[in-house]
Amino acid sequence: MADLYSTPPAHDQEWDAGDLACGELVLELRRRVRAAPGQVFKVIALDPGAPSDLPAWCGMTGHQLIAQDLDAKAYWIRAKS
């Protein structure tokens, strides 16, 4: 997982979650990743808890957080197959 990179990782889908709070954020993300196993999602999440919530959610669910850019509030998540 990289915090800094010269080129952002490639992704299949992009979702701007805006300022959705953690509960709504992970419920909607769960729906999206279930519909597209194996794909990489770029998620923009403005919620202040996202930097800790999204890695924890990935760890609990088996999805892979492959990169994050905390300045841009962007997270790249590979949905488990």
N, C-alpha and C. Protein backbone atom coordinates (compact mmCIF):
# COMPACT_ATOMS: atom_id res chain seq x y z
N MET A 1 0.85 -1.17 0.00
CA MET A 1 0.00 0.00 0.00
C MET A 1 0.89 1.23 0.00
N ALA A 2 0.62 2.16 -0.86
CA ALA A 2 1.46 3.34 -0.98
C ALA A 2 0.69 4.58 -0.56
N ASP A 3 1.37 5.45 0.17
CA ASP A 3 0.79 6.75 0.50
C ASP A 3 1.19 7.79 -0.53
N LEU A 4 2.38 7.63 -1.09
CA LEU A 4 2.88 8.56 -2.09
C LEU A 4 3.28 7.77 -3.32
N TYR A 5 2.99 8.29 -4.48
CA TYR A 5 3.32 7.61 -5.72
C TYR A 5 3.37 8.64 -6.82
N SER A 6 4.10 8.33 -7.88
CA SER A 6 4.21 9.28 -8.97
C SER A 6 2.99 9.23 -9.88
N THR A 7 2.40 8.06 -10.04
CA THR A 7 1.22 7.89 -10.86
C THR A 7 0.17 7.15 -10.04
N PRO A 8 -1.04 7.68 -9.94
CA PRO A 8 -2.08 6.96 -9.19
C PRO A 8 -2.34 5.58 -9.79
N PRO A 9 -2.71 4.62 -8.95
CA PRO A 9 -3.00 3.28 -9.47
C PRO A 9 -4.16 3.30 -10.47
N ALA A 10 -4.12 2.37 -11.39
CA ALA A 10 -5.24 2.24 -12.34
C ALA A 10 -6.47 1.77 -11.57
N HIS A 11 -7.63 2.18 -12.03
CA HIS A 11 -8.86 1.74 -11.38
C HIS A 11 -9.93 1.50 -12.42
N ASP A 12 -10.87 0.62 -12.05
CA ASP A 12 -11.98 0.28 -12.95
C ASP A 12 -13.18 1.19 -12.75
N GLN A 13 -13.39 1.59 -11.52
CA GLN A 13 -14.54 2.44 -11.20
C GLN A 13 -14.10 3.53 -10.24
N GLU A 14 -14.80 4.65 -10.30
CA GLU A 14 -14.53 5.76 -9.39
C GLU A 14 -15.83 6.17 -8.73
N TRP A 15 -15.75 6.42 -7.44
CA TRP A 15 -16.95 6.82 -6.69
C TRP A 15 -16.58 7.95 -5.74
N ASP A 16 -17.24 9.07 -5.88
CA ASP A 16 -17.06 10.20 -4.98
C ASP A 16 -18.13 10.09 -3.91
N ALA A 17 -17.73 9.64 -2.73
CA ALA A 17 -18.66 9.45 -1.62
C ALA A 17 -18.95 10.76 -0.89
N GLY A 18 -18.27 11.81 -1.29
CA GLY A 18 -18.50 13.10 -0.65
C GLY A 18 -18.27 13.03 0.84
N ASP A 19 -19.19 13.61 1.61
CA ASP A 19 -19.02 13.63 3.06
C ASP A 19 -19.91 12.62 3.77
N LEU A 20 -20.24 11.50 3.07
CA LEU A 20 -21.01 10.44 3.73
C LEU A 20 -20.29 10.01 5.01
N ALA A 21 -21.05 9.83 6.06
CA ALA A 21 -20.47 9.36 7.33
C ALA A 21 -20.11 7.89 7.20
N CYS A 22 -19.30 7.41 8.12
CA CYS A 22 -18.73 6.07 8.05
C CYS A 22 -19.77 4.98 7.78
N GLY A 23 -20.85 4.96 8.53
CA GLY A 23 -21.85 3.90 8.36
C GLY A 23 -22.42 3.87 6.95
N GLU A 24 -22.86 5.02 6.46
CA GLU A 24 -23.41 5.09 5.11
C GLU A 24 -22.35 4.80 4.07
N LEU A 25 -21.13 5.28 4.32
CA LEU A 25 -20.02 5.09 3.40
C LEU A 25 -19.73 3.61 3.20
N VAL A 26 -19.55 2.87 4.29
CA VAL A 26 -19.19 1.46 4.13
C VAL A 26 -20.36 0.61 3.63
N LEU A 27 -21.58 0.98 3.96
CA LEU A 27 -22.72 0.23 3.43
C LEU A 27 -22.83 0.38 1.91
N GLU A 28 -22.66 1.60 1.42
CA GLU A 28 -22.72 1.81 -0.02
C GLU A 28 -21.51 1.19 -0.71
N LEU A 29 -20.34 1.30 -0.11
CA LEU A 29 -19.14 0.69 -0.68
C LEU A 29 -19.30 -0.82 -0.74
N ARG A 30 -19.86 -1.40 0.29
CA ARG A 30 -20.12 -2.85 0.31
C ARG A 30 -20.99 -3.26 -0.87
N ARG A 31 -22.04 -2.51 -1.12
CA ARG A 31 -22.93 -2.81 -2.24
C ARG A 31 -22.18 -2.73 -3.56
N ARG A 32 -21.36 -1.73 -3.71
CA ARG A 32 -20.62 -1.53 -4.96
C ARG A 32 -19.59 -2.62 -5.21
N VAL A 33 -18.80 -2.98 -4.18
CA VAL A 33 -17.76 -3.99 -4.40
C VAL A 33 -18.35 -5.38 -4.61
N ARG A 34 -19.47 -5.66 -3.98
CA ARG A 34 -20.12 -6.96 -4.20
C ARG A 34 -20.57 -7.12 -5.64
N ALA A 35 -20.94 -6.02 -6.28
CA ALA A 35 -21.42 -6.06 -7.65
C ALA A 35 -20.28 -6.15 -8.67
N ALA A 36 -19.04 -5.99 -8.22
CA ALA A 36 -17.91 -5.97 -9.16
C ALA A 36 -16.68 -6.63 -8.55
N PRO A 37 -16.74 -7.94 -8.28
CA PRO A 37 -15.59 -8.62 -7.67
C PRO A 37 -14.34 -8.51 -8.53
N GLY A 38 -13.21 -8.29 -7.86
CA GLY A 38 -11.92 -8.21 -8.54
C GLY A 38 -11.58 -6.85 -9.10
N GLN A 39 -12.55 -5.96 -9.17
CA GLN A 39 -12.28 -4.64 -9.74
C GLN A 39 -11.64 -3.72 -8.71
N VAL A 40 -10.94 -2.71 -9.20
CA VAL A 40 -10.33 -1.70 -8.34
C VAL A 40 -11.21 -0.46 -8.36
N PHE A 41 -11.53 0.00 -7.17
CA PHE A 41 -12.35 1.19 -7.00
C PHE A 41 -11.49 2.33 -6.48
N LYS A 42 -11.64 3.49 -7.08
CA LYS A 42 -11.07 4.71 -6.51
C LYS A 42 -12.22 5.38 -5.77
N VAL A 43 -12.05 5.55 -4.48
CA VAL A 43 -13.08 6.14 -3.64
C VAL A 43 -12.56 7.46 -3.09
N ILE A 44 -13.34 8.51 -3.27
CA ILE A 44 -13.05 9.80 -2.66
C ILE A 44 -13.97 9.91 -1.45
N ALA A 45 -13.39 10.06 -0.27
CA ALA A 45 -14.18 10.11 0.96
C ALA A 45 -13.70 11.27 1.83
N LEU A 46 -14.59 12.22 2.08
CA LEU A 46 -14.24 13.41 2.84
C LEU A 46 -14.47 13.26 4.34
N ASP A 47 -15.16 12.21 4.76
CA ASP A 47 -15.43 12.00 6.18
C ASP A 47 -14.12 11.97 6.96
N PRO A 48 -14.01 12.70 8.07
CA PRO A 48 -12.76 12.73 8.83
C PRO A 48 -12.33 11.36 9.36
N GLY A 49 -13.26 10.43 9.50
CA GLY A 49 -12.92 9.10 9.99
C GLY A 49 -12.45 8.15 8.91
N ALA A 50 -12.58 8.52 7.65
CA ALA A 50 -12.24 7.63 6.54
C ALA A 50 -10.79 7.11 6.58
N PRO A 51 -9.80 7.93 6.94
CA PRO A 51 -8.42 7.42 6.95
C PRO A 51 -8.21 6.22 7.87
N SER A 52 -9.00 6.10 8.91
CA SER A 52 -8.90 4.92 9.77
C SER A 52 -9.99 3.91 9.47
N ASP A 53 -11.18 4.39 9.10
CA ASP A 53 -12.31 3.49 8.87
C ASP A 53 -12.14 2.62 7.63
N LEU A 54 -11.69 3.19 6.52
CA LEU A 54 -11.60 2.41 5.28
C LEU A 54 -10.53 1.31 5.36
N PRO A 55 -9.32 1.57 5.88
CA PRO A 55 -8.38 0.46 6.04
C PRO A 55 -8.90 -0.62 6.99
N ALA A 56 -9.56 -0.22 8.07
CA ALA A 56 -10.11 -1.20 9.01
C ALA A 56 -11.20 -2.03 8.34
N TRP A 57 -12.07 -1.38 7.57
CA TRP A 57 -13.14 -2.09 6.87
C TRP A 57 -12.55 -3.09 5.88
N CYS A 58 -11.53 -2.68 5.14
CA CYS A 58 -10.88 -3.59 4.20
C CYS A 58 -10.32 -4.80 4.94
N GLY A 59 -9.67 -4.56 6.06
CA GLY A 59 -9.10 -5.66 6.83
C GLY A 59 -10.15 -6.63 7.35
N MET A 60 -11.30 -6.12 7.72
CA MET A 60 -12.37 -6.97 8.26
C MET A 60 -13.11 -7.74 7.17
N THR A 61 -13.14 -7.19 5.96
CA THR A 61 -13.97 -7.79 4.91
C THR A 61 -13.18 -8.56 3.85
N GLY A 62 -11.85 -8.43 3.86
CA GLY A 62 -11.04 -9.16 2.89
C GLY A 62 -10.80 -8.42 1.59
N HIS A 63 -11.27 -7.18 1.49
CA HIS A 63 -10.95 -6.36 0.32
C HIS A 63 -9.56 -5.77 0.56
N GLN A 64 -8.88 -5.38 -0.50
CA GLN A 64 -7.49 -4.93 -0.38
C GLN A 64 -7.39 -3.44 -0.63
N LEU A 65 -6.89 -2.72 0.36
CA LEU A 65 -6.57 -1.30 0.18
C LEU A 65 -5.20 -1.27 -0.47
N ILE A 66 -5.16 -0.91 -1.75
CA ILE A 66 -3.89 -0.97 -2.48
C ILE A 66 -3.13 0.35 -2.46
N ALA A 67 -3.82 1.46 -2.23
CA ALA A 67 -3.15 2.76 -2.14
C ALA A 67 -4.10 3.76 -1.52
N GLN A 68 -3.49 4.81 -0.99
CA GLN A 68 -4.29 5.92 -0.50
C GLN A 68 -3.51 7.20 -0.65
N ASP A 69 -4.22 8.26 -0.87
CA ASP A 69 -3.62 9.59 -0.96
C ASP A 69 -4.41 10.44 0.04
N LEU A 70 -3.86 10.59 1.22
CA LEU A 70 -4.59 11.27 2.28
C LEU A 70 -4.82 12.74 1.98
N ASP A 71 -3.92 13.37 1.24
CA ASP A 71 -4.12 14.77 0.87
C ASP A 71 -5.33 14.93 -0.05
N ALA A 72 -5.48 14.01 -0.99
CA ALA A 72 -6.59 14.06 -1.94
C ALA A 72 -7.83 13.34 -1.42
N LYS A 73 -7.69 12.68 -0.25
CA LYS A 73 -8.78 11.92 0.35
C LYS A 73 -9.26 10.81 -0.60
N ALA A 74 -8.28 10.17 -1.26
CA ALA A 74 -8.56 9.13 -2.25
C ALA A 74 -8.02 7.79 -1.75
N TYR A 75 -8.80 6.74 -2.02
CA TYR A 75 -8.46 5.38 -1.59
C TYR A 75 -8.71 4.45 -2.76
N TRP A 76 -7.75 3.55 -3.03
CA TRP A 76 -7.91 2.57 -4.09
C TRP A 76 -8.10 1.21 -3.43
N ILE A 77 -9.23 0.60 -3.70
CA ILE A 77 -9.61 -0.65 -3.05
C ILE A 77 -9.90 -1.69 -4.11
N ARG A 78 -9.22 -2.86 -3.99
CA ARG A 78 -9.50 -3.98 -4.88
C ARG A 78 -10.53 -4.86 -4.20
N ALA A 79 -11.69 -5.04 -4.87
CA ALA A 79 -12.75 -5.89 -4.33
C ALA A 79 -12.29 -7.35 -4.39
N LYS A 80 -12.55 -8.06 -3.31
CA LYS A 80 -12.18 -9.48 -3.32
C LYS A 80 -12.99 -10.22 -4.38
N SER A 81 -12.39 -11.26 -4.89
CA SER A 81 -13.05 -12.04 -5.95
C SER A 81 -14.08 -12.97 -5.39
